[in-house]
N, C-alpha and C. Protein backbone atom coordinates (compact mmCIF):
# COMPACT_ATOMS: atom_id res chain seq x y z
N MET A 1 -26.10 -61.61 -48.00
CA MET A 1 -27.16 -60.65 -46.75
C MET A 1 -28.00 -59.80 -47.92
N ALA A 2 -29.40 -59.78 -48.30
CA ALA A 2 -29.77 -58.98 -48.94
C ALA A 2 -30.28 -57.81 -48.34
N ILE A 3 -30.47 -56.46 -49.30
CA ILE A 3 -30.99 -55.42 -49.05
C ILE A 3 -32.37 -55.05 -48.30
N ASP A 4 -32.74 -54.62 -47.48
CA ASP A 4 -34.43 -54.65 -47.56
C ASP A 4 -34.24 -53.28 -48.02
N TRP A 5 -34.79 -53.01 -49.08
CA TRP A 5 -35.24 -51.51 -49.85
C TRP A 5 -36.28 -50.74 -49.35
N ASN A 6 -37.21 -51.57 -48.29
CA ASN A 6 -38.14 -50.56 -47.83
C ASN A 6 -37.68 -49.80 -47.01
N VAL A 7 -36.57 -50.63 -45.89
CA VAL A 7 -35.56 -49.96 -44.72
C VAL A 7 -35.11 -48.52 -45.65
N VAL A 8 -34.07 -48.96 -46.29
CA VAL A 8 -33.82 -47.88 -46.53
C VAL A 8 -34.52 -46.95 -47.36
N ALA A 9 -35.68 -46.66 -48.14
CA ALA A 9 -36.12 -45.77 -48.43
C ALA A 9 -36.78 -45.48 -47.17
N THR A 10 -37.48 -46.22 -46.25
CA THR A 10 -37.73 -45.49 -44.80
C THR A 10 -37.07 -44.46 -44.09
N ILE A 11 -35.68 -44.54 -44.25
CA ILE A 11 -35.06 -43.60 -43.74
C ILE A 11 -34.29 -43.16 -44.75
N ALA A 12 -34.05 -43.07 -46.01
CA ALA A 12 -33.32 -41.87 -46.92
C ALA A 12 -34.80 -41.15 -47.00
N SER A 13 -36.38 -41.64 -47.37
CA SER A 13 -36.99 -40.24 -47.62
C SER A 13 -37.23 -38.86 -46.78
N PRO A 14 -36.77 -39.03 -45.67
CA PRO A 14 -37.08 -37.87 -44.69
C PRO A 14 -35.63 -36.97 -44.72
N VAL A 15 -34.44 -37.51 -45.44
CA VAL A 15 -33.46 -36.97 -45.84
C VAL A 15 -33.53 -36.71 -46.93
N VAL A 16 -33.90 -37.12 -47.67
CA VAL A 16 -34.26 -36.23 -49.12
C VAL A 16 -35.03 -35.11 -49.14
N ALA A 17 -36.52 -35.36 -48.30
CA ALA A 17 -37.44 -34.34 -48.81
C ALA A 17 -36.40 -33.01 -47.62
N LEU A 18 -36.15 -33.36 -46.79
CA LEU A 18 -35.55 -32.12 -46.01
C LEU A 18 -34.77 -31.24 -47.12
N PHE A 19 -33.48 -31.61 -47.75
CA PHE A 19 -32.80 -31.21 -48.84
C PHE A 19 -33.59 -30.71 -49.74
N VAL A 20 -34.46 -31.17 -50.50
CA VAL A 20 -35.62 -30.73 -51.35
C VAL A 20 -36.12 -29.57 -51.02
N GLY A 21 -37.01 -29.72 -49.73
CA GLY A 21 -37.52 -28.17 -48.87
C GLY A 21 -36.42 -27.47 -48.57
N VAL A 22 -35.43 -27.55 -48.21
CA VAL A 22 -34.73 -26.67 -48.20
C VAL A 22 -34.16 -25.65 -49.56
N TRP A 23 -33.97 -26.56 -50.51
CA TRP A 23 -33.65 -25.73 -52.26
C TRP A 23 -34.89 -25.27 -52.21
N VAL A 24 -35.69 -26.10 -52.73
CA VAL A 24 -37.26 -24.91 -53.11
C VAL A 24 -37.42 -23.98 -52.14
N ASN A 25 -37.57 -23.79 -50.31
CA ASN A 25 -37.62 -22.46 -50.28
C ASN A 25 -36.83 -21.54 -50.70
N ARG A 26 -35.67 -21.91 -50.81
CA ARG A 26 -34.44 -21.58 -51.07
C ARG A 26 -34.62 -20.23 -52.76
N GLN A 27 -35.36 -21.09 -53.48
CA GLN A 27 -35.34 -21.16 -55.34
C GLN A 27 -36.44 -20.07 -55.19
N PHE A 28 -37.75 -20.32 -54.33
CA PHE A 28 -38.85 -19.51 -54.19
C PHE A 28 -39.04 -18.43 -53.10
N GLU A 29 -38.18 -18.35 -52.39
CA GLU A 29 -38.30 -17.38 -51.21
C GLU A 29 -38.01 -16.19 -52.15
N SER A 30 -38.74 -14.95 -51.29
CA SER A 30 -39.11 -13.85 -51.60
C SER A 30 -38.11 -12.64 -51.18
N ARG A 31 -36.91 -12.80 -51.78
CA ARG A 31 -35.99 -11.95 -50.61
C ARG A 31 -34.49 -11.26 -51.76
N PRO A 32 -34.02 -10.29 -51.12
CA PRO A 32 -32.66 -9.97 -51.54
C PRO A 32 -31.77 -10.86 -52.05
N VAL A 33 -30.95 -10.47 -53.28
CA VAL A 33 -29.80 -11.69 -53.28
C VAL A 33 -28.39 -10.66 -53.86
N LEU A 34 -27.56 -10.39 -52.91
CA LEU A 34 -27.10 -9.01 -53.46
C LEU A 34 -25.80 -9.60 -53.68
N ILE A 35 -24.86 -9.67 -54.72
CA ILE A 35 -22.93 -10.11 -55.23
C ILE A 35 -22.60 -8.87 -55.46
N SER A 36 -21.61 -9.40 -55.01
CA SER A 36 -20.27 -8.30 -55.86
C SER A 36 -18.87 -9.10 -56.49
N TYR A 37 -18.86 -8.31 -57.06
CA TYR A 37 -17.41 -8.99 -57.98
C TYR A 37 -16.29 -7.53 -58.15
N PHE A 38 -15.20 -8.03 -58.08
CA PHE A 38 -14.44 -6.97 -59.06
C PHE A 38 -14.17 -7.58 -60.63
N SER A 39 -14.45 -6.05 -61.54
CA SER A 39 -14.47 -6.62 -63.28
C SER A 39 -13.17 -6.21 -63.44
N HIS A 40 -12.30 -5.42 -63.29
CA HIS A 40 -11.20 -5.21 -63.05
C HIS A 40 -10.34 -4.94 -62.51
N ILE A 41 -9.03 -4.92 -62.26
CA ILE A 41 -7.40 -3.59 -61.71
C ILE A 41 -6.87 -3.94 -62.40
N SER A 42 -6.36 -2.22 -63.13
CA SER A 42 -5.75 -2.12 -63.98
C SER A 42 -4.85 -0.82 -63.43
N ALA A 43 -3.85 -0.83 -64.12
CA ALA A 43 -2.73 0.34 -63.52
C ALA A 43 -2.21 1.22 -65.06
N PHE A 44 -2.05 2.27 -65.49
CA PHE A 44 -1.85 3.02 -66.29
C PHE A 44 -0.54 3.92 -65.98
N ARG A 45 0.64 3.90 -67.13
CA ARG A 45 1.68 5.14 -66.94
C ARG A 45 1.20 6.25 -67.81
N TYR A 46 0.66 7.14 -67.27
CA TYR A 46 0.49 8.81 -67.97
C TYR A 46 1.53 9.94 -67.67
N THR A 47 2.31 10.02 -69.15
CA THR A 47 2.85 11.18 -69.41
C THR A 47 2.24 12.24 -70.07
N PRO A 48 1.81 13.26 -68.95
CA PRO A 48 1.31 14.66 -69.78
C PRO A 48 2.11 15.18 -70.65
N PRO A 49 1.73 15.93 -71.53
CA PRO A 49 2.79 16.89 -72.36
C PRO A 49 3.49 17.51 -71.68
N GLY A 50 4.74 17.36 -71.85
CA GLY A 50 5.66 18.28 -70.77
C GLY A 50 6.04 17.88 -69.49
N GLY A 51 5.59 16.89 -69.03
CA GLY A 51 4.94 16.75 -67.67
C GLY A 51 5.81 15.56 -67.41
N GLN A 52 6.20 15.22 -65.95
CA GLN A 52 6.18 13.79 -65.44
C GLN A 52 5.83 12.99 -65.55
N PRO A 53 5.98 11.79 -66.19
CA PRO A 53 5.48 10.32 -66.18
C PRO A 53 4.67 10.02 -64.80
N SER A 54 3.73 9.61 -64.38
CA SER A 54 3.14 8.98 -63.12
C SER A 54 2.59 8.12 -63.81
N GLN A 55 1.94 7.36 -62.37
CA GLN A 55 1.07 6.18 -62.45
C GLN A 55 -0.54 6.24 -62.07
N VAL A 56 -1.29 5.87 -63.07
CA VAL A 56 -2.74 5.96 -62.45
C VAL A 56 -3.56 4.58 -61.94
N ASN A 57 -3.89 4.50 -61.22
CA ASN A 57 -4.57 2.94 -61.17
C ASN A 57 -6.11 3.32 -60.74
N THR A 58 -6.62 2.17 -61.37
CA THR A 58 -8.23 2.07 -61.23
C THR A 58 -8.64 0.57 -61.26
N HIS A 59 -9.75 0.45 -60.77
CA HIS A 59 -11.15 -0.60 -60.49
C HIS A 59 -12.26 -0.74 -60.50
N SER A 60 -12.63 -1.41 -61.14
CA SER A 60 -14.55 -1.45 -60.63
C SER A 60 -14.83 -2.58 -60.28
N VAL A 61 -16.27 -2.39 -58.99
CA VAL A 61 -16.76 -3.30 -58.19
C VAL A 61 -18.16 -3.26 -58.67
N VAL A 62 -18.72 -4.38 -59.18
CA VAL A 62 -20.04 -4.85 -60.02
C VAL A 62 -20.78 -5.26 -58.63
N LEU A 63 -21.71 -4.13 -58.66
CA LEU A 63 -23.36 -5.16 -57.65
C LEU A 63 -24.20 -5.29 -58.25
N ARG A 64 -24.79 -5.86 -58.22
CA ARG A 64 -26.33 -6.74 -58.61
C ARG A 64 -27.19 -7.31 -57.46
N ASN A 65 -28.22 -7.38 -58.08
CA ASN A 65 -29.41 -7.76 -57.13
C ASN A 65 -30.05 -8.71 -57.85
N THR A 66 -29.53 -10.23 -57.50
CA THR A 66 -30.00 -11.28 -58.42
C THR A 66 -31.39 -11.86 -57.48
N GLY A 67 -31.65 -11.45 -56.72
CA GLY A 67 -33.11 -11.66 -55.65
C GLY A 67 -34.45 -11.50 -56.21
N ARG A 68 -35.16 -11.65 -55.21
CA ARG A 68 -36.67 -11.36 -55.86
C ARG A 68 -37.64 -10.01 -55.57
N GLN A 69 -36.59 -9.48 -54.40
CA GLN A 69 -37.40 -8.25 -53.08
C GLN A 69 -35.86 -7.22 -53.28
N SER A 70 -36.25 -5.88 -53.86
CA SER A 70 -35.26 -5.34 -53.72
C SER A 70 -34.22 -4.97 -52.26
N ALA A 71 -33.25 -4.38 -52.28
CA ALA A 71 -32.41 -4.58 -51.46
C ALA A 71 -32.55 -3.55 -50.89
N THR A 72 -32.44 -3.10 -49.65
CA THR A 72 -32.35 -1.63 -49.47
C THR A 72 -31.11 -0.98 -48.64
N ASN A 73 -30.87 0.16 -48.56
CA ASN A 73 -29.70 0.92 -47.46
C ASN A 73 -28.07 -0.15 -47.91
N ILE A 74 -28.11 -0.51 -49.12
CA ILE A 74 -26.77 -1.10 -49.94
C ILE A 74 -25.69 0.17 -49.33
N ARG A 75 -24.83 -0.85 -48.03
CA ARG A 75 -23.29 0.45 -47.93
C ARG A 75 -22.24 -0.85 -48.31
N LEU A 76 -21.41 0.59 -49.25
CA LEU A 76 -20.03 -0.31 -49.81
C LEU A 76 -19.11 0.79 -49.00
N HIS A 77 -18.03 0.03 -48.39
CA HIS A 77 -17.50 0.24 -47.23
C HIS A 77 -16.28 0.65 -47.45
N HIS A 78 -15.28 1.49 -47.37
CA HIS A 78 -14.21 1.76 -47.91
C HIS A 78 -12.80 2.30 -46.97
N ALA A 79 -11.90 1.61 -46.42
CA ALA A 79 -10.88 2.12 -45.57
C ALA A 79 -10.27 3.77 -46.21
N ILE A 80 -10.54 3.48 -47.68
CA ILE A 80 -9.45 4.54 -48.15
C ILE A 80 -10.91 5.67 -49.33
N LEU A 81 -11.55 6.07 -49.50
CA LEU A 81 -12.49 6.29 -50.56
C LEU A 81 -12.09 7.43 -51.52
N PRO A 82 -11.58 6.69 -52.69
CA PRO A 82 -10.62 7.38 -54.06
C PRO A 82 -11.83 8.27 -54.73
N GLU A 83 -11.17 8.93 -56.04
CA GLU A 83 -12.70 9.76 -56.80
C GLU A 83 -13.22 8.38 -57.36
N PHE A 84 -14.25 8.27 -57.80
CA PHE A 84 -14.99 7.03 -58.29
C PHE A 84 -16.12 7.68 -58.43
N ASN A 85 -17.08 6.96 -59.57
CA ASN A 85 -18.25 6.88 -60.54
C ASN A 85 -19.14 6.04 -60.27
N ILE A 86 -20.04 5.86 -60.48
CA ILE A 86 -20.98 5.13 -60.46
C ILE A 86 -22.04 4.95 -61.83
N TRP A 87 -22.20 3.75 -62.35
CA TRP A 87 -22.70 3.98 -63.76
C TRP A 87 -23.66 2.38 -63.63
N PRO A 88 -24.85 2.86 -63.94
CA PRO A 88 -25.54 3.88 -64.62
C PRO A 88 -25.99 4.93 -62.89
N ALA A 89 -25.98 5.93 -63.04
CA ALA A 89 -26.49 7.04 -62.16
C ALA A 89 -27.52 6.57 -61.35
N VAL A 90 -27.57 7.09 -59.84
CA VAL A 90 -28.16 6.06 -59.25
C VAL A 90 -27.65 7.42 -58.24
N VAL A 91 -28.94 6.97 -57.28
CA VAL A 91 -29.10 7.86 -56.35
C VAL A 91 -28.24 7.54 -55.00
N HIS A 92 -27.51 8.47 -54.37
CA HIS A 92 -26.47 7.55 -53.12
C HIS A 92 -25.85 8.79 -52.59
N ASN A 93 -25.47 8.88 -51.29
CA ASN A 93 -24.19 9.61 -50.46
C ASN A 93 -23.78 9.05 -49.67
N ILE A 94 -22.28 9.74 -48.98
CA ILE A 94 -21.48 9.24 -48.51
C ILE A 94 -21.70 9.59 -46.86
N GLU A 95 -21.48 8.40 -45.93
CA GLU A 95 -21.55 9.13 -44.75
C GLU A 95 -19.69 8.20 -44.11
N SER A 96 -19.69 9.80 -43.70
CA SER A 96 -18.24 9.55 -43.16
C SER A 96 -18.16 8.91 -41.29
N LEU A 97 -17.55 7.39 -41.10
CA LEU A 97 -17.82 7.03 -39.93
C LEU A 97 -16.71 7.61 -38.85
N PRO A 98 -16.75 7.51 -37.88
CA PRO A 98 -15.86 8.01 -36.78
C PRO A 98 -14.86 7.47 -36.25
N ASP A 99 -13.93 6.26 -37.32
CA ASP A 99 -12.91 5.82 -37.01
C ASP A 99 -12.44 6.10 -38.75
N GLY A 100 -12.95 6.88 -39.69
CA GLY A 100 -12.45 7.69 -40.34
C GLY A 100 -12.69 7.45 -41.59
N SER A 101 -13.09 6.09 -41.86
CA SER A 101 -13.67 5.64 -43.23
C SER A 101 -14.62 6.32 -43.56
N GLN A 102 -15.07 5.29 -44.62
CA GLN A 102 -16.18 5.92 -45.17
C GLN A 102 -17.10 5.50 -45.92
N ASP A 103 -18.57 5.19 -45.99
CA ASP A 103 -19.42 4.23 -46.89
C ASP A 103 -20.07 5.10 -47.88
N ILE A 104 -20.46 4.30 -48.93
CA ILE A 104 -21.58 4.83 -49.95
C ILE A 104 -22.15 4.28 -50.08
N VAL A 105 -23.64 5.21 -49.85
CA VAL A 105 -24.86 4.78 -49.13
C VAL A 105 -25.87 4.56 -50.53
N ILE A 106 -26.36 3.20 -50.90
CA ILE A 106 -27.13 3.48 -52.09
C ILE A 106 -28.47 3.29 -51.56
N PRO A 107 -29.45 3.51 -51.67
CA PRO A 107 -31.13 3.75 -50.94
C PRO A 107 -31.60 2.28 -50.94
N THR A 108 -31.11 1.85 -52.61
CA THR A 108 -32.23 0.75 -52.85
C THR A 108 -31.77 0.06 -53.99
N LEU A 109 -31.30 -1.21 -54.49
CA LEU A 109 -31.52 -1.76 -56.00
C LEU A 109 -32.80 -2.81 -56.02
N VAL A 110 -33.18 -2.68 -57.14
CA VAL A 110 -34.27 -2.94 -57.67
C VAL A 110 -34.16 -5.00 -57.47
N PRO A 111 -34.95 -6.00 -57.81
CA PRO A 111 -34.72 -6.67 -58.65
C PRO A 111 -33.90 -6.67 -60.16
N GLY A 112 -32.75 -7.58 -60.21
CA GLY A 112 -32.22 -7.74 -61.25
C GLY A 112 -31.29 -6.63 -62.29
N GLU A 113 -31.36 -5.01 -61.08
CA GLU A 113 -30.52 -3.67 -61.07
C GLU A 113 -29.03 -4.21 -61.09
N GLU A 114 -28.29 -3.78 -61.90
CA GLU A 114 -26.68 -4.01 -61.70
C GLU A 114 -26.34 -2.78 -62.05
N ILE A 115 -25.04 -2.67 -60.82
CA ILE A 115 -24.54 -0.81 -60.97
C ILE A 115 -23.17 -1.31 -60.69
N THR A 116 -21.90 -0.39 -61.58
CA THR A 116 -20.78 -0.30 -61.85
C THR A 116 -19.80 0.51 -60.70
N VAL A 117 -19.66 0.71 -59.91
CA VAL A 117 -18.23 1.51 -59.07
C VAL A 117 -17.19 1.48 -59.57
N SER A 118 -16.51 2.47 -60.46
CA SER A 118 -15.41 2.63 -60.85
C SER A 118 -14.58 3.63 -60.13
N TYR A 119 -13.28 3.31 -59.89
CA TYR A 119 -12.44 3.63 -58.70
C TYR A 119 -11.02 4.39 -59.55
N LEU A 120 -10.89 5.28 -59.01
CA LEU A 120 -9.38 5.98 -59.62
C LEU A 120 -8.38 6.72 -58.57
N TYR A 121 -7.30 6.45 -58.26
CA TYR A 121 -6.38 6.78 -57.67
C TYR A 121 -4.77 6.15 -57.82
N PHE A 122 -4.26 6.78 -57.03
CA PHE A 122 -2.80 7.15 -57.63
C PHE A 122 -1.71 6.80 -56.72
N PRO A 123 -0.50 5.86 -56.40
CA PRO A 123 0.24 5.18 -55.93
C PRO A 123 0.70 6.27 -54.61
N PRO A 124 0.65 5.64 -53.25
CA PRO A 124 0.49 4.27 -52.91
C PRO A 124 -0.73 3.76 -52.91
N VAL A 125 -1.27 4.09 -52.74
CA VAL A 125 -3.07 3.87 -52.25
C VAL A 125 -3.05 2.56 -53.79
N ILE A 126 -3.83 1.03 -53.40
CA ILE A 126 -3.39 -0.07 -54.12
C ILE A 126 -4.99 -0.81 -53.69
N ALA A 127 -5.20 -1.46 -55.05
CA ALA A 127 -6.89 -1.72 -54.65
C ALA A 127 -7.51 -2.12 -53.47
N GLY A 128 -6.56 -3.57 -52.81
CA GLY A 128 -6.59 -4.17 -51.57
C GLY A 128 -7.18 -3.01 -50.28
N GLN A 129 -6.83 -1.64 -50.98
CA GLN A 129 -6.98 -0.76 -49.71
C GLN A 129 -8.14 -0.13 -49.39
N VAL A 130 -8.66 -0.33 -50.92
CA VAL A 130 -9.60 0.62 -51.37
C VAL A 130 -10.94 0.38 -50.36
N ASN A 131 -11.18 -1.28 -51.00
CA ASN A 131 -12.98 -1.55 -50.45
C ASN A 131 -12.23 -2.16 -49.16
N ALA A 132 -14.10 -2.47 -48.45
CA ALA A 132 -13.78 -3.25 -47.24
C ALA A 132 -15.26 -3.70 -46.97
N GLY A 133 -15.87 -4.20 -48.04
CA GLY A 133 -16.84 -4.90 -47.60
C GLY A 133 -18.31 -4.36 -48.63
N VAL A 134 -19.43 -5.04 -48.46
CA VAL A 134 -21.01 -4.73 -48.78
C VAL A 134 -21.59 -4.81 -48.30
N LYS A 135 -22.76 -4.68 -47.61
CA LYS A 135 -24.07 -4.97 -47.05
C LYS A 135 -24.85 -4.46 -47.19
N CYS A 136 -25.98 -4.63 -46.94
CA CYS A 136 -27.65 -3.70 -46.93
C CYS A 136 -28.31 -4.09 -45.89
N ASP A 137 -29.30 -3.59 -45.90
CA ASP A 137 -30.06 -3.97 -44.54
C ASP A 137 -30.63 -5.69 -44.33
N GLN A 138 -30.43 -6.34 -45.73
CA GLN A 138 -30.86 -7.80 -45.69
C GLN A 138 -30.09 -8.81 -44.99
N GLY A 139 -28.38 -8.05 -44.88
CA GLY A 139 -27.37 -8.85 -45.40
C GLY A 139 -26.02 -8.48 -45.93
N PHE A 140 -25.26 -9.08 -45.60
CA PHE A 140 -23.98 -8.89 -46.19
C PHE A 140 -23.86 -9.50 -47.62
N ALA A 141 -23.40 -8.85 -48.57
CA ALA A 141 -23.18 -9.24 -50.18
C ALA A 141 -21.97 -10.32 -50.21
N ASN A 142 -22.48 -11.28 -50.89
CA ASN A 142 -22.00 -12.22 -51.53
C ASN A 142 -21.17 -12.05 -52.27
N GLN A 143 -19.60 -12.13 -51.88
CA GLN A 143 -18.44 -11.46 -53.28
C GLN A 143 -18.11 -13.15 -53.75
N ILE A 144 -18.15 -12.85 -55.01
CA ILE A 144 -17.51 -14.16 -55.40
C ILE A 144 -16.46 -14.01 -56.65
N THR A 145 -15.71 -14.86 -57.06
CA THR A 145 -14.38 -14.23 -58.24
C THR A 145 -15.44 -14.90 -59.28
N VAL A 146 -15.00 -14.01 -60.90
CA VAL A 146 -15.23 -14.06 -61.93
C VAL A 146 -14.14 -14.38 -62.46
N LEU A 147 -14.40 -14.98 -63.96
CA LEU A 147 -13.31 -15.30 -64.64
C LEU A 147 -13.37 -14.91 -65.82
N LEU A 148 -13.42 -14.41 -66.98
CA LEU A 148 -13.45 -14.22 -68.76
C LEU A 148 -13.27 -15.90 -69.14
N GLN A 149 -14.53 -15.95 -69.69
CA GLN A 149 -14.43 -17.81 -70.34
C GLN A 149 -15.25 -17.29 -71.40
N ARG A 150 -15.45 -18.53 -72.29
CA ARG A 150 -15.72 -18.21 -73.58
C ARG A 150 -17.28 -18.84 -73.42
N GLN A 151 -18.03 -18.28 -73.85
CA GLN A 151 -19.48 -18.57 -73.80
C GLN A 151 -19.93 -19.71 -74.67
N TYR A 152 -20.46 -20.56 -74.28
CA TYR A 152 -20.76 -21.54 -75.51
C TYR A 152 -22.43 -21.63 -75.91
N PRO A 153 -22.74 -21.74 -77.18
CA PRO A 153 -24.18 -21.78 -77.21
C PRO A 153 -24.88 -22.71 -76.42
N ARG A 154 -26.18 -22.53 -76.56
CA ARG A 154 -26.91 -22.53 -75.34
C ARG A 154 -27.41 -24.41 -75.85
N TRP A 155 -27.07 -24.79 -77.40
CA TRP A 155 -27.58 -26.08 -77.57
C TRP A 155 -26.50 -26.89 -77.80
N PHE A 156 -25.30 -26.16 -77.29
CA PHE A 156 -24.42 -27.35 -76.60
C PHE A 156 -24.46 -27.29 -75.16
N ASN A 157 -24.81 -26.42 -74.57
CA ASN A 157 -24.74 -26.70 -73.04
C ASN A 157 -25.60 -27.53 -72.67
N ARG A 158 -26.91 -27.48 -73.38
CA ARG A 158 -27.53 -28.57 -73.02
C ARG A 158 -27.35 -30.14 -73.83
N THR A 159 -26.41 -29.85 -74.59
CA THR A 159 -26.22 -31.26 -75.12
C THR A 159 -25.14 -31.66 -73.20
N VAL A 160 -24.24 -30.75 -73.33
CA VAL A 160 -23.23 -31.66 -72.42
C VAL A 160 -23.84 -32.09 -70.73
N ILE A 161 -24.75 -31.36 -70.83
CA ILE A 161 -25.66 -31.66 -69.73
C ILE A 161 -26.77 -32.85 -69.50
N ALA A 162 -27.17 -33.60 -71.11
CA ALA A 162 -28.07 -34.67 -71.48
C ALA A 162 -26.71 -35.41 -71.50
N LEU A 163 -25.42 -35.35 -71.86
CA LEU A 163 -24.53 -36.71 -71.90
C LEU A 163 -24.23 -36.59 -70.37
N PHE A 164 -24.65 -35.65 -69.35
CA PHE A 164 -23.88 -35.76 -68.27
C PHE A 164 -24.90 -36.59 -67.42
N LEU A 165 -26.22 -36.21 -67.78
CA LEU A 165 -27.32 -36.78 -67.12
C LEU A 165 -27.15 -38.41 -67.73
N VAL A 166 -27.26 -39.05 -68.58
CA VAL A 166 -27.12 -40.02 -69.44
C VAL A 166 -25.53 -40.86 -68.66
N GLY A 167 -24.68 -40.20 -68.30
CA GLY A 167 -22.93 -40.70 -67.47
C GLY A 167 -24.11 -41.30 -65.89
N VAL A 168 -24.62 -40.21 -65.25
CA VAL A 168 -24.58 -40.60 -64.15
C VAL A 168 -26.15 -41.47 -63.91
N VAL A 169 -26.91 -41.99 -64.38
CA VAL A 169 -28.09 -43.10 -65.08
C VAL A 169 -27.25 -43.61 -65.24
N THR A 170 -26.42 -44.23 -65.73
CA THR A 170 -25.49 -45.51 -66.28
C THR A 170 -24.18 -45.63 -65.30
N VAL A 171 -24.15 -44.63 -64.22
CA VAL A 171 -23.28 -45.25 -63.21
C VAL A 171 -24.40 -46.02 -62.16
N ALA A 172 -25.57 -45.27 -62.05
CA ALA A 172 -26.16 -45.75 -60.67
C ALA A 172 -26.69 -46.98 -61.04
N TYR A 173 -27.24 -47.24 -62.51
CA TYR A 173 -27.52 -48.74 -62.92
C TYR A 173 -26.11 -49.74 -62.35
N LEU A 174 -24.75 -49.20 -62.80
CA LEU A 174 -23.94 -50.51 -62.82
C LEU A 174 -23.83 -50.59 -61.45
N ILE A 175 -23.93 -49.71 -60.65
CA ILE A 175 -23.78 -49.77 -59.40
C ILE A 175 -24.74 -50.73 -58.87
N TYR A 176 -26.03 -49.87 -59.05
CA TYR A 176 -27.03 -51.11 -58.71
C TYR A 176 -27.03 -52.70 -58.84
N VAL A 177 -26.91 -52.83 -60.45
CA VAL A 177 -26.16 -54.13 -60.53
C VAL A 177 -25.23 -54.80 -60.19
N GLY A 178 -24.29 -54.45 -59.78
CA GLY A 178 -23.24 -54.59 -58.79
C GLY A 178 -23.63 -55.43 -57.34
N VAL A 179 -24.52 -54.12 -56.64
CA VAL A 179 -24.75 -54.28 -55.81
C VAL A 179 -26.08 -55.62 -55.27
N THR A 180 -26.80 -55.84 -56.76
CA THR A 180 -27.52 -56.95 -56.59
C THR A 180 -26.67 -58.19 -57.09
N VAL A 181 -25.73 -58.19 -57.78
CA VAL A 181 -24.75 -59.38 -57.83
C VAL A 181 -23.77 -59.70 -56.61
N ILE A 182 -23.80 -58.64 -56.16
CA ILE A 182 -23.13 -59.01 -54.66
C ILE A 182 -23.87 -59.91 -53.20
N ALA A 183 -25.20 -59.47 -53.50
CA ALA A 183 -26.00 -59.82 -52.84
C ALA A 183 -26.23 -60.83 -52.60
N ARG A 184 -26.39 -61.39 -53.98
CA ARG A 184 -27.05 -62.98 -54.51
C ARG A 184 -25.92 -63.88 -53.65
């Protein structure tokens, strides 16, 4: 049975165009994209001179606007709001909500701006009890998981991508050859 490639192209082209159109729209749309992630969670044992040992907990949340438009009215929601520091310093205020929780409200983050909110607290409070989400007027922040990893040089990354593309083209060609041999 021979494959009619004109029919395949007629069916596939609108589907491919749909996905390419959505991708192009997402890439070039002027909107804020707010991401957040934990940069560290730590616990320290501290003994003041002549005092009793105690534990001190700390963690940091990084917020970054990776979009092309300013994110406005950013709200970091907290079930428990311990001592905190924002670096670099930005204008912010704290709003208490009726349920007893609190929000740190930052008026705006311009495109490419990144801030770190560091928290300091003592047991029995743990990191999971502090933060309860991040949102802005344009929607919720994307919470991403980050891991420390080695950064390779640009030439190495480009070589790997080139080899990957050669492999994809080779596999596609082999599939095409296999289909044409079977079709005969």
